[in-house]
Amino acid sequence: MILVRHGQSLFNLHFTQTRVDPGIEDPELTDLGRAQALSAARALEGVRLRRVIASPYSRALQTAEVICGHLGLDLSHVEPLVGERAAFACDVGSHPAVLATRFPTVALDHLPPRWWPEMEESEAALAIRCQRFHAAMAEHPERDEVLVVSHWGFIRGLTGLAVTNGTVVRVPRDGAAEVVHIP
């Protein structure tokens, strides 16, 4: 399984500079974020991928669009389990109807109106989400050919790695996760 942290969002841009939550809900990617997504896509050239799963946050969906477009893949599934740990304004998601206008080719009808976690999601709640996803992927027949576009908190909770925007992480079936690309 391959994990990719979404590219830089407007929240990331402001928060990195100030360490203050700028109050941007469900932010989109910056130009740098799009470039990071393309860098991740280039790093994945030649990797056999059959399924792409993305978090429902706009920044993850945009990252998945760039990667899928570059690699000629379809976004297979949008999955709230791989969403961010809710701790900041950016972790307030968008209603599926709003997302459908931004991403008209993506299947979102399975999402409840409020698919994101309550503020502030505890580390224990995040760990449970990560365990649920890990268990589901352990049984998935195409696990080794799955790309998951996710977030800092989820990737950290699943692998123990704190990665920067656009980083690609390989999670082997047996063994420790490893960073394979940093843009």
C-alpha atoms as a PDB file:
ATOM      1  CA  MET A   1       0.000   0.000   0.000  1.00  0.00           C
ATOM      2  CA  ILE A   2       1.196   3.511  -0.796  1.00  0.00           C
ATOM      3  CA  LEU A   3       0.210   6.586   1.230  1.00  0.00           C
ATOM      4  CA  VAL A   4       0.552  10.155  -0.030  1.00  0.00           C
ATOM      5  CA  ARG A   5       0.076  13.208   2.132  1.00  0.00           C
ATOM      6  CA  HIS A   6      -1.897  15.855   0.260  1.00  0.00           C
ATOM      7  CA  GLY A   7      -0.050  18.825  -1.209  1.00  0.00           C
ATOM      8  CA  GLN A   8       0.261  22.143   0.585  1.00  0.00           C
ATOM      9  CA  SER A   9      -3.122  23.737   1.309  1.00  0.00           C
ATOM     10  CA  LEU A  10      -3.957  27.380   1.984  1.00  0.00           C
ATOM     11  CA  PHE A  11      -4.179  26.413   5.667  1.00  0.00           C
ATOM     12  CA  ASN A  12      -0.696  24.848   5.588  1.00  0.00           C
ATOM     13  CA  LEU A  13       0.727  27.962   3.942  1.00  0.00           C
ATOM     14  CA  HIS A  14      -0.587  30.322   6.619  1.00  0.00           C
ATOM     15  CA  PHE A  15      -0.184  28.025   9.617  1.00  0.00           C
ATOM     16  CA  THR A  16       3.437  27.215   8.764  1.00  0.00           C
ATOM     17  CA  GLN A  17       4.281  30.930   8.708  1.00  0.00           C
ATOM     18  CA  THR A  18       2.352  32.017  11.808  1.00  0.00           C
ATOM     19  CA  ARG A  19       1.562  28.876  13.880  1.00  0.00           C
ATOM     20  CA  VAL A  20      -1.923  30.410  14.222  1.00  0.00           C
ATOM     21  CA  ASP A  21      -5.051  28.726  12.855  1.00  0.00           C
ATOM     22  CA  PRO A  22      -6.174  31.045  10.002  1.00  0.00           C
ATOM     23  CA  GLY A  23      -9.763  29.748  10.224  1.00  0.00           C
ATOM     24  CA  ILE A  24      -9.934  28.314   6.698  1.00  0.00           C
ATOM     25  CA  GLU A  25     -12.412  25.423   6.504  1.00  0.00           C
ATOM     26  CA  ASP A  26     -11.745  22.632   3.984  1.00  0.00           C
ATOM     27  CA  PRO A  27      -8.970  24.571   2.220  1.00  0.00           C
ATOM     28  CA  GLU A  28      -7.868  23.974  -1.325  1.00  0.00           C
ATOM     29  CA  LEU A  29      -4.352  23.407  -2.612  1.00  0.00           C
ATOM     30  CA  THR A  30      -1.903  26.186  -3.324  1.00  0.00           C
ATOM     31  CA  ASP A  31       0.154  26.237  -6.521  1.00  0.00           C
ATOM     32  CA  LEU A  32       2.978  24.660  -4.519  1.00  0.00           C
ATOM     33  CA  GLY A  33       0.531  21.991  -3.337  1.00  0.00           C
ATOM     34  CA  ARG A  34      -0.350  21.142  -6.935  1.00  0.00           C
ATOM     35  CA  ALA A  35       3.371  20.936  -7.760  1.00  0.00           C
ATOM     36  CA  GLN A  36       3.914  18.621  -4.772  1.00  0.00           C
ATOM     37  CA  ALA A  37       1.062  16.397  -5.974  1.00  0.00           C
ATOM     38  CA  LEU A  38       2.639  16.232  -9.430  1.00  0.00           C
ATOM     39  CA  SER A  39       6.014  15.419  -7.867  1.00  0.00           C
ATOM     40  CA  ALA A  40       4.386  12.550  -5.953  1.00  0.00           C
ATOM     41  CA  ALA A  41       2.730  11.345  -9.168  1.00  0.00           C
ATOM     42  CA  ARG A  42       6.077  11.341 -10.969  1.00  0.00           C
ATOM     43  CA  ALA A  43       7.611   9.365  -8.108  1.00  0.00           C
ATOM     44  CA  LEU A  44       4.844   6.774  -8.571  1.00  0.00           C
ATOM     45  CA  GLU A  45       5.467   6.257 -12.290  1.00  0.00           C
ATOM     46  CA  GLY A  46       6.116   2.578 -12.844  1.00  0.00           C
ATOM     47  CA  VAL A  47       4.440   1.527  -9.578  1.00  0.00           C
ATOM     48  CA  ARG A  48       1.553  -0.850 -10.225  1.00  0.00           C
ATOM     49  CA  LEU A  49      -1.564   0.786  -8.781  1.00  0.00           C
ATOM     50  CA  ARG A  50      -5.057  -0.615  -9.272  1.00  0.00           C
ATOM     51  CA  ARG A  51      -7.081   1.364  -6.736  1.00  0.00           C
ATOM     52  CA  VAL A  52      -6.928   4.968  -5.505  1.00  0.00           C
ATOM     53  CA  ILE A  53      -8.619   5.925  -2.235  1.00  0.00           C
ATOM     54  CA  ALA A  54      -8.806   9.538  -1.086  1.00  0.00           C
ATOM     55  CA  SER A  55      -9.992  11.420   1.952  1.00  0.00           C
ATOM     56  CA  PRO A  56     -13.095  13.576   1.314  1.00  0.00           C
ATOM     57  CA  TYR A  57     -11.293  16.829   2.185  1.00  0.00           C
ATOM     58  CA  SER A  58     -10.863  19.111  -0.837  1.00  0.00           C
ATOM     59  CA  ARG A  59      -7.066  19.201  -0.509  1.00  0.00           C
ATOM     60  CA  ALA A  60      -6.878  15.396  -0.661  1.00  0.00           C
ATOM     61  CA  LEU A  61      -9.344  15.166  -3.545  1.00  0.00           C
ATOM     62  CA  GLN A  62      -7.372  17.775  -5.500  1.00  0.00           C
ATOM     63  CA  THR A  63      -4.132  15.902  -4.813  1.00  0.00           C
ATOM     64  CA  ALA A  64      -5.750  12.653  -5.968  1.00  0.00           C
ATOM     65  CA  GLU A  65      -6.981  14.382  -9.148  1.00  0.00           C
ATOM     66  CA  VAL A  66      -3.454  15.515 -10.023  1.00  0.00           C
ATOM     67  CA  ILE A  67      -1.961  12.084  -9.320  1.00  0.00           C
ATOM     68  CA  CYS A  68      -4.715  10.182 -11.119  1.00  0.00           C
ATOM     69  CA  GLY A  69      -4.563  12.534 -14.093  1.00  0.00           C
ATOM     70  CA  HIS A  70      -0.804  12.113 -14.434  1.00  0.00           C
ATOM     71  CA  LEU A  71      -0.874   8.326 -14.034  1.00  0.00           C
ATOM     72  CA  GLY A  72      -4.036   7.693 -16.053  1.00  0.00           C
ATOM     73  CA  LEU A  73      -5.929   6.269 -13.074  1.00  0.00           C
ATOM     74  CA  ASP A  74      -9.449   6.749 -11.757  1.00  0.00           C
ATOM     75  CA  LEU A  75     -10.228   7.792  -8.201  1.00  0.00           C
ATOM     76  CA  SER A  76     -11.743   4.527  -6.962  1.00  0.00           C
ATOM     77  CA  HIS A  77     -13.225   5.507  -3.615  1.00  0.00           C
ATOM     78  CA  VAL A  78     -13.610   8.456  -1.252  1.00  0.00           C
ATOM     79  CA  GLU A  79     -13.186   7.271   2.335  1.00  0.00           C
ATOM     80  CA  PRO A  80     -13.745   9.327   5.516  1.00  0.00           C
ATOM     81  CA  LEU A  81     -11.715   6.809   7.569  1.00  0.00           C
ATOM     82  CA  VAL A  82      -8.528   8.209   5.986  1.00  0.00           C
ATOM     83  CA  GLY A  83      -9.429  11.831   6.789  1.00  0.00           C
ATOM     84  CA  GLU A  84      -7.441  14.173   9.002  1.00  0.00           C
ATOM     85  CA  ARG A  85      -7.516  14.183  12.797  1.00  0.00           C
ATOM     86  CA  ALA A  86      -9.899  17.048  13.531  1.00  0.00           C
ATOM     87  CA  ALA A  87      -8.030  19.713  15.461  1.00  0.00           C
ATOM     88  CA  PHE A  88      -8.150  22.919  13.377  1.00  0.00           C
ATOM     89  CA  ALA A  89     -10.597  24.865  11.211  1.00  0.00           C
ATOM     90  CA  CYS A  90      -9.160  23.155   8.124  1.00  0.00           C
ATOM     91  CA  ASP A  91     -10.495  19.875   9.487  1.00  0.00           C
ATOM     92  CA  VAL A  92     -14.111  20.979   9.072  1.00  0.00           C
ATOM     93  CA  GLY A  93     -15.139  19.299   5.830  1.00  0.00           C
ATOM     94  CA  SER A  94     -17.612  20.260   3.145  1.00  0.00           C
ATOM     95  CA  HIS A  95     -21.098  18.835   2.708  1.00  0.00           C
ATOM     96  CA  PRO A  96     -21.178  16.173  -0.050  1.00  0.00           C
ATOM     97  CA  ALA A  97     -23.402  18.419  -2.205  1.00  0.00           C
ATOM     98  CA  VAL A  98     -20.736  21.140  -2.091  1.00  0.00           C
ATOM     99  CA  LEU A  99     -18.006  18.624  -2.891  1.00  0.00           C
ATOM    100  CA  ALA A 100     -20.079  17.306  -5.803  1.00  0.00           C
ATOM    101  CA  THR A 101     -20.020  20.754  -7.425  1.00  0.00           C
ATOM    102  CA  ARG A 102     -16.213  20.942  -7.040  1.00  0.00           C
ATOM    103  CA  PHE A 103     -15.594  17.313  -8.047  1.00  0.00           C
ATOM    104  CA  PRO A 104     -18.422  16.345 -10.417  1.00  0.00           C
ATOM    105  CA  THR A 105     -16.794  13.118 -11.621  1.00  0.00           C
ATOM    106  CA  VAL A 106     -16.192  11.712  -8.123  1.00  0.00           C
ATOM    107  CA  ALA A 107     -18.720   9.383  -6.467  1.00  0.00           C
ATOM    108  CA  LEU A 108     -19.725  11.017  -3.180  1.00  0.00           C
ATOM    109  CA  ASP A 109     -23.293   9.780  -2.687  1.00  0.00           C
ATOM    110  CA  HIS A 110     -22.199   7.340   0.041  1.00  0.00           C
ATOM    111  CA  LEU A 111     -21.012  10.173   2.317  1.00  0.00           C
ATOM    112  CA  PRO A 112     -23.265  11.325   5.141  1.00  0.00           C
ATOM    113  CA  PRO A 113     -23.904  15.098   5.336  1.00  0.00           C
ATOM    114  CA  ARG A 114     -21.337  15.356   8.142  1.00  0.00           C
ATOM    115  CA  TRP A 115     -18.579  12.856   7.434  1.00  0.00           C
ATOM    116  CA  TRP A 116     -15.714  14.568   9.324  1.00  0.00           C
ATOM    117  CA  PRO A 117     -14.951  13.948  13.041  1.00  0.00           C
ATOM    118  CA  GLU A 118     -16.078  16.148  15.874  1.00  0.00           C
ATOM    119  CA  MET A 119     -13.596  18.763  17.103  1.00  0.00           C
ATOM    120  CA  GLU A 120     -11.185  17.949  18.729  1.00  0.00           C
ATOM    121  CA  GLU A 121     -10.775  14.313  17.817  1.00  0.00           C
ATOM    122  CA  SER A 122      -8.767  12.539  20.481  1.00  0.00           C
ATOM    123  CA  GLU A 123      -5.648  10.528  19.728  1.00  0.00           C
ATOM    124  CA  ALA A 124      -7.570   7.464  20.957  1.00  0.00           C
ATOM    125  CA  ALA A 125     -10.373   8.091  18.451  1.00  0.00           C
ATOM    126  CA  LEU A 126      -7.805   8.571  15.680  1.00  0.00           C
ATOM    127  CA  ALA A 127      -6.111   5.311  16.681  1.00  0.00           C
ATOM    128  CA  ILE A 128      -9.447   3.481  16.396  1.00  0.00           C
ATOM    129  CA  ARG A 129     -10.006   4.906  12.892  1.00  0.00           C
ATOM    130  CA  CYS A 130      -6.488   3.872  11.872  1.00  0.00           C
ATOM    131  CA  GLN A 131      -7.032   0.362  13.264  1.00  0.00           C
ATOM    132  CA  ARG A 132     -10.326   0.033  11.387  1.00  0.00           C
ATOM    133  CA  PHE A 133      -8.687   1.069   8.121  1.00  0.00           C
ATOM    134  CA  HIS A 134      -5.659  -1.158   8.728  1.00  0.00           C
ATOM    135  CA  ALA A 135      -7.926  -4.163   9.379  1.00  0.00           C
ATOM    136  CA  ALA A 136      -9.979  -3.486   6.246  1.00  0.00           C
ATOM    137  CA  MET A 137      -6.844  -3.150   4.117  1.00  0.00           C
ATOM    138  CA  ALA A 138      -5.303  -6.318   5.566  1.00  0.00           C
ATOM    139  CA  GLU A 139      -8.206  -8.233   4.004  1.00  0.00           C
ATOM    140  CA  HIS A 140      -8.228  -6.305   0.719  1.00  0.00           C
ATOM    141  CA  PRO A 141      -7.099  -8.530  -2.189  1.00  0.00           C
ATOM    142  CA  GLU A 142      -5.424  -5.602  -3.992  1.00  0.00           C
ATOM    143  CA  ARG A 143      -3.835  -4.102  -0.846  1.00  0.00           C
ATOM    144  CA  ASP A 144      -0.348  -3.980  -2.331  1.00  0.00           C
ATOM    145  CA  GLU A 145      -1.611  -2.024  -5.348  1.00  0.00           C
ATOM    146  CA  VAL A 146      -3.617   0.605  -3.440  1.00  0.00           C
ATOM    147  CA  LEU A 147      -2.757   4.302  -3.248  1.00  0.00           C
ATOM    148  CA  VAL A 148      -4.271   6.275  -0.358  1.00  0.00           C
ATOM    149  CA  VAL A 149      -4.273  10.095  -0.451  1.00  0.00           C
ATOM    150  CA  SER A 150      -4.546  11.261   3.129  1.00  0.00           C
ATOM    151  CA  HIS A 151      -3.253  13.642   5.807  1.00  0.00           C
ATOM    152  CA  TRP A 152      -0.493  14.242   8.348  1.00  0.00           C
ATOM    153  CA  GLY A 153      -2.472  13.041  11.371  1.00  0.00           C
ATOM    154  CA  PHE A 154      -3.857   9.915   9.739  1.00  0.00           C
ATOM    155  CA  ILE A 155      -0.517   8.890   8.238  1.00  0.00           C
ATOM    156  CA  ARG A 156       1.183   9.485  11.596  1.00  0.00           C
ATOM    157  CA  GLY A 157      -1.502   7.464  13.381  1.00  0.00           C
ATOM    158  CA  LEU A 158      -1.250   4.598  10.901  1.00  0.00           C
ATOM    159  CA  THR A 159       2.544   4.445  10.457  1.00  0.00           C
ATOM    160  CA  GLY A 160       4.173   6.504  13.215  1.00  0.00           C
ATOM    161  CA  LEU A 161       5.716   8.782  10.554  1.00  0.00           C
ATOM    162  CA  ALA A 162       5.199  12.563  10.599  1.00  0.00           C
ATOM    163  CA  VAL A 163       5.562  13.540   6.936  1.00  0.00           C
ATOM    164  CA  THR A 164       5.538  16.785   4.968  1.00  0.00           C
ATOM    165  CA  ASN A 165       3.101  17.720   2.211  1.00  0.00           C
ATOM    166  CA  GLY A 166       3.388  15.571  -0.906  1.00  0.00           C
ATOM    167  CA  THR A 167       5.446  12.835   0.766  1.00  0.00           C
ATOM    168  CA  VAL A 168       5.024   9.268  -0.504  1.00  0.00           C
ATOM    169  CA  VAL A 169       5.166   6.426   2.042  1.00  0.00           C
ATOM    170  CA  ARG A 170       5.266   2.711   1.247  1.00  0.00           C
ATOM    171  CA  VAL A 171       3.530   0.453   3.768  1.00  0.00           C
ATOM    172  CA  PRO A 172       4.522  -3.162   3.111  1.00  0.00           C
ATOM    173  CA  ARG A 173       2.254  -5.976   4.216  1.00  0.00           C
ATOM    174  CA  ASP A 174       4.954  -7.108   6.649  1.00  0.00           C
ATOM    175  CA  GLY A 175       7.429  -4.578   7.972  1.00  0.00           C
ATOM    176  CA  ALA A 176       7.780  -0.930   8.816  1.00  0.00           C
ATOM    177  CA  ALA A 177       6.506   1.928   6.695  1.00  0.00           C
ATOM    178  CA  GLU A 178       9.158   3.834   4.778  1.00  0.00           C
ATOM    179  CA  VAL A 179       9.314   7.226   3.121  1.00  0.00           C
ATOM    180  CA  VAL A 180      10.074   6.728  -0.579  1.00  0.00           C
ATOM    181  CA  HIS A 181       9.688  10.291  -1.856  1.00  0.00           C
ATOM    182  CA  ILE A 182       9.781  13.804  -0.423  1.00  0.00           C
ATOM    183  CA  PRO A 183       9.031  16.589  -2.918  1.00  0.00           C
END
